[in-house]
Amino acid sequence: MVDLAKYETLISDLSALESQVEILKSKYFDTVGRNKELEVSLNTVQQDKSQLHQKISDLESELDEIKLKVEEKTKLNSQDREELKIKIKDLINRVDKHLSTETTR
């Protein structure tokens, strides 16, 4: 009879191990499925990141172009500067003449 009790204990232990293995197997498959979902999410996020980096790069290039255009428009070349100086001097001379005629009256 002693041997029968040992066998029953052994079968009981094996059944407990089998149920634990089934639980671990189920957890493993759940984890594998979750990992696949996370990989898909990661790939999507990486694609979005890449697109955003491209947009940032495009916007920075556009900003640089705009800065160059603004600089070109606001810069006066040396000839334009000289012409502007002459015009300003001429206007100053006119104002001086006008003021001097006003004071002589």
C-alpha atoms as a PDB file:
ATOM      1  CA  MET A   1       0.000   0.000   0.000  1.00  0.00           C
ATOM      2  CA  VAL A   2       2.877   2.284   0.651  1.00  0.00           C
ATOM      3  CA  ASP A   3       3.821   2.178  -2.991  1.00  0.00           C
ATOM      4  CA  LEU A   4       0.328   3.236  -4.022  1.00  0.00           C
ATOM      5  CA  ALA A   5       0.538   6.362  -1.832  1.00  0.00           C
ATOM      6  CA  LYS A   6       3.877   7.259  -3.415  1.00  0.00           C
ATOM      7  CA  TYR A   7       2.382   6.912  -6.890  1.00  0.00           C
ATOM      8  CA  GLU A   8      -0.609   9.047  -5.979  1.00  0.00           C
ATOM      9  CA  THR A   9       1.711  11.724  -4.558  1.00  0.00           C
ATOM     10  CA  LEU A  10       3.869  11.549  -7.675  1.00  0.00           C
ATOM     11  CA  ILE A  11       0.834  11.832  -9.978  1.00  0.00           C
ATOM     12  CA  SER A  12      -0.474  14.738  -7.890  1.00  0.00           C
ATOM     13  CA  ASP A  13       2.898  16.511  -8.157  1.00  0.00           C
ATOM     14  CA  LEU A  14       3.027  15.885 -11.898  1.00  0.00           C
ATOM     15  CA  SER A  15      -0.470  17.287 -12.314  1.00  0.00           C
ATOM     16  CA  ALA A  16       0.520  20.400 -10.367  1.00  0.00           C
ATOM     17  CA  LEU A  17       3.641  20.791 -12.526  1.00  0.00           C
ATOM     18  CA  GLU A  18       1.575  20.317 -15.673  1.00  0.00           C
ATOM     19  CA  SER A  19      -0.841  23.057 -14.652  1.00  0.00           C
ATOM     20  CA  GLN A  20       2.072  25.378 -13.825  1.00  0.00           C
ATOM     21  CA  VAL A  21       3.632  24.631 -17.223  1.00  0.00           C
ATOM     22  CA  GLU A  22       0.312  25.446 -18.934  1.00  0.00           C
ATOM     23  CA  ILE A  23       0.116  28.738 -17.011  1.00  0.00           C
ATOM     24  CA  LEU A  24       3.709  29.637 -17.960  1.00  0.00           C
ATOM     25  CA  LYS A  25       3.042  28.638 -21.567  1.00  0.00           C
ATOM     26  CA  SER A  26      -0.008  30.894 -21.659  1.00  0.00           C
ATOM     27  CA  LYS A  27       1.963  33.773 -20.141  1.00  0.00           C
ATOM     28  CA  TYR A  28       4.738  33.196 -22.677  1.00  0.00           C
ATOM     29  CA  PHE A  29       2.348  33.406 -25.634  1.00  0.00           C
ATOM     30  CA  ASP A  30       0.722  36.521 -24.142  1.00  0.00           C
ATOM     31  CA  THR A  31       4.165  38.094 -23.770  1.00  0.00           C
ATOM     32  CA  VAL A  32       5.145  37.175 -27.332  1.00  0.00           C
ATOM     33  CA  GLY A  33       1.907  38.705 -28.643  1.00  0.00           C
ATOM     34  CA  ARG A  34       2.441  41.871 -26.601  1.00  0.00           C
ATOM     35  CA  ASN A  35       6.034  42.117 -27.853  1.00  0.00           C
ATOM     36  CA  LYS A  36       4.810  41.923 -31.448  1.00  0.00           C
ATOM     37  CA  GLU A  37       2.287  44.694 -30.757  1.00  0.00           C
ATOM     38  CA  LEU A  38       5.036  46.803 -29.189  1.00  0.00           C
ATOM     39  CA  GLU A  39       7.318  46.211 -32.176  1.00  0.00           C
ATOM     40  CA  VAL A  40       4.581  47.409 -34.524  1.00  0.00           C
ATOM     41  CA  SER A  41       4.041  50.480 -32.328  1.00  0.00           C
ATOM     42  CA  LEU A  42       7.777  51.113 -32.211  1.00  0.00           C
ATOM     43  CA  ASN A  43       8.054  50.923 -36.000  1.00  0.00           C
ATOM     44  CA  THR A  44       5.162  53.359 -36.363  1.00  0.00           C
ATOM     45  CA  VAL A  45       6.729  55.763 -33.883  1.00  0.00           C
ATOM     46  CA  GLN A  46      10.097  55.513 -35.643  1.00  0.00           C
ATOM     47  CA  GLN A  47       8.458  56.291 -38.997  1.00  0.00           C
ATOM     48  CA  ASP A  48       6.668  59.271 -37.456  1.00  0.00           C
ATOM     49  CA  LYS A  49       9.944  60.413 -35.920  1.00  0.00           C
ATOM     50  CA  SER A  50      11.681  60.135 -39.276  1.00  0.00           C
ATOM     51  CA  GLN A  51       8.927  62.126 -40.977  1.00  0.00           C
ATOM     52  CA  LEU A  52       9.077  64.805 -38.294  1.00  0.00           C
ATOM     53  CA  HIS A  53      12.864  65.042 -38.649  1.00  0.00           C
ATOM     54  CA  GLN A  54      12.400  65.477 -42.387  1.00  0.00           C
ATOM     55  CA  LYS A  55       9.792  68.204 -41.831  1.00  0.00           C
ATOM     56  CA  ILE A  56      12.118  69.956 -39.385  1.00  0.00           C
ATOM     57  CA  SER A  57      14.947  69.751 -41.896  1.00  0.00           C
ATOM     58  CA  ASP A  58      12.714  71.138 -44.657  1.00  0.00           C
ATOM     59  CA  LEU A  59      11.516  73.974 -42.429  1.00  0.00           C
ATOM     60  CA  GLU A  60      15.080  74.825 -41.389  1.00  0.00           C
ATOM     61  CA  SER A  61      16.113  74.935 -45.042  1.00  0.00           C
ATOM     62  CA  GLU A  62      13.142  77.151 -45.851  1.00  0.00           C
ATOM     63  CA  LEU A  63      14.021  79.417 -42.932  1.00  0.00           C
ATOM     64  CA  ASP A  64      17.621  79.703 -44.145  1.00  0.00           C
ATOM     65  CA  GLU A  65      16.386  80.613 -47.627  1.00  0.00           C
ATOM     66  CA  ILE A  66      14.069  83.265 -46.212  1.00  0.00           C
ATOM     67  CA  LYS A  67      16.898  84.702 -44.103  1.00  0.00           C
ATOM     68  CA  LEU A  68      19.107  84.918 -47.181  1.00  0.00           C
ATOM     69  CA  LYS A  69      16.373  86.643 -49.179  1.00  0.00           C
ATOM     70  CA  VAL A  70      15.769  89.143 -46.386  1.00  0.00           C
ATOM     71  CA  GLU A  71      19.489  89.840 -46.095  1.00  0.00           C
ATOM     72  CA  GLU A  72      19.752  90.336 -49.845  1.00  0.00           C
ATOM     73  CA  LYS A  73      16.820  92.741 -49.843  1.00  0.00           C
ATOM     74  CA  THR A  74      18.078  94.750 -46.895  1.00  0.00           C
ATOM     75  CA  LYS A  75      21.680  94.955 -48.036  1.00  0.00           C
ATOM     76  CA  LEU A  76      22.613  97.914 -50.108  1.00  0.00           C
ATOM     77  CA  ASN A  77      25.496  97.527 -52.418  1.00  0.00           C
ATOM     78  CA  SER A  78      28.216 100.172 -52.328  1.00  0.00           C
ATOM     79  CA  GLN A  79      26.883 102.025 -55.371  1.00  0.00           C
ATOM     80  CA  ASP A  80      23.398 102.259 -53.891  1.00  0.00           C
ATOM     81  CA  ARG A  81      24.903 103.519 -50.632  1.00  0.00           C
ATOM     82  CA  GLU A  82      26.824 106.250 -52.388  1.00  0.00           C
ATOM     83  CA  GLU A  83      23.736 107.318 -54.325  1.00  0.00           C
ATOM     84  CA  LEU A  84      21.751 107.402 -51.118  1.00  0.00           C
ATOM     85  CA  LYS A  85      24.438 109.502 -49.399  1.00  0.00           C
ATOM     86  CA  ILE A  86      24.368 111.967 -52.279  1.00  0.00           C
ATOM     87  CA  LYS A  87      20.582 112.224 -52.115  1.00  0.00           C
ATOM     88  CA  ILE A  88      20.698 112.774 -48.363  1.00  0.00           C
ATOM     89  CA  LYS A  89      23.368 115.476 -48.738  1.00  0.00           C
ATOM     90  CA  ASP A  90      21.298 117.136 -51.439  1.00  0.00           C
ATOM     91  CA  LEU A  91      18.231 117.124 -49.192  1.00  0.00           C
ATOM     92  CA  ILE A  92      20.253 118.561 -46.317  1.00  0.00           C
ATOM     93  CA  ASN A  93      21.551 121.317 -48.576  1.00  0.00           C
ATOM     94  CA  ARG A  94      18.019 122.149 -49.712  1.00  0.00           C
ATOM     95  CA  VAL A  95      16.767 122.278 -46.142  1.00  0.00           C
ATOM     96  CA  ASP A  96      19.719 124.486 -45.186  1.00  0.00           C
ATOM     97  CA  LYS A  97      19.030 126.814 -48.085  1.00  0.00           C
ATOM     98  CA  HIS A  98      15.364 126.955 -47.212  1.00  0.00           C
ATOM     99  CA  LEU A  99      16.158 127.690 -43.572  1.00  0.00           C
ATOM    100  CA  SER A 100      18.700 130.318 -44.484  1.00  0.00           C
ATOM    101  CA  THR A 101      16.225 132.151 -46.723  1.00  0.00           C
ATOM    102  CA  GLU A 102      13.667 132.029 -43.948  1.00  0.00           C
ATOM    103  CA  THR A 103      16.032 133.605 -41.445  1.00  0.00           C
ATOM    104  CA  THR A 104      17.155 136.386 -43.826  1.00  0.00           C
ATOM    105  CA  ARG A 105      13.669 137.695 -44.339  1.00  0.00           C
END
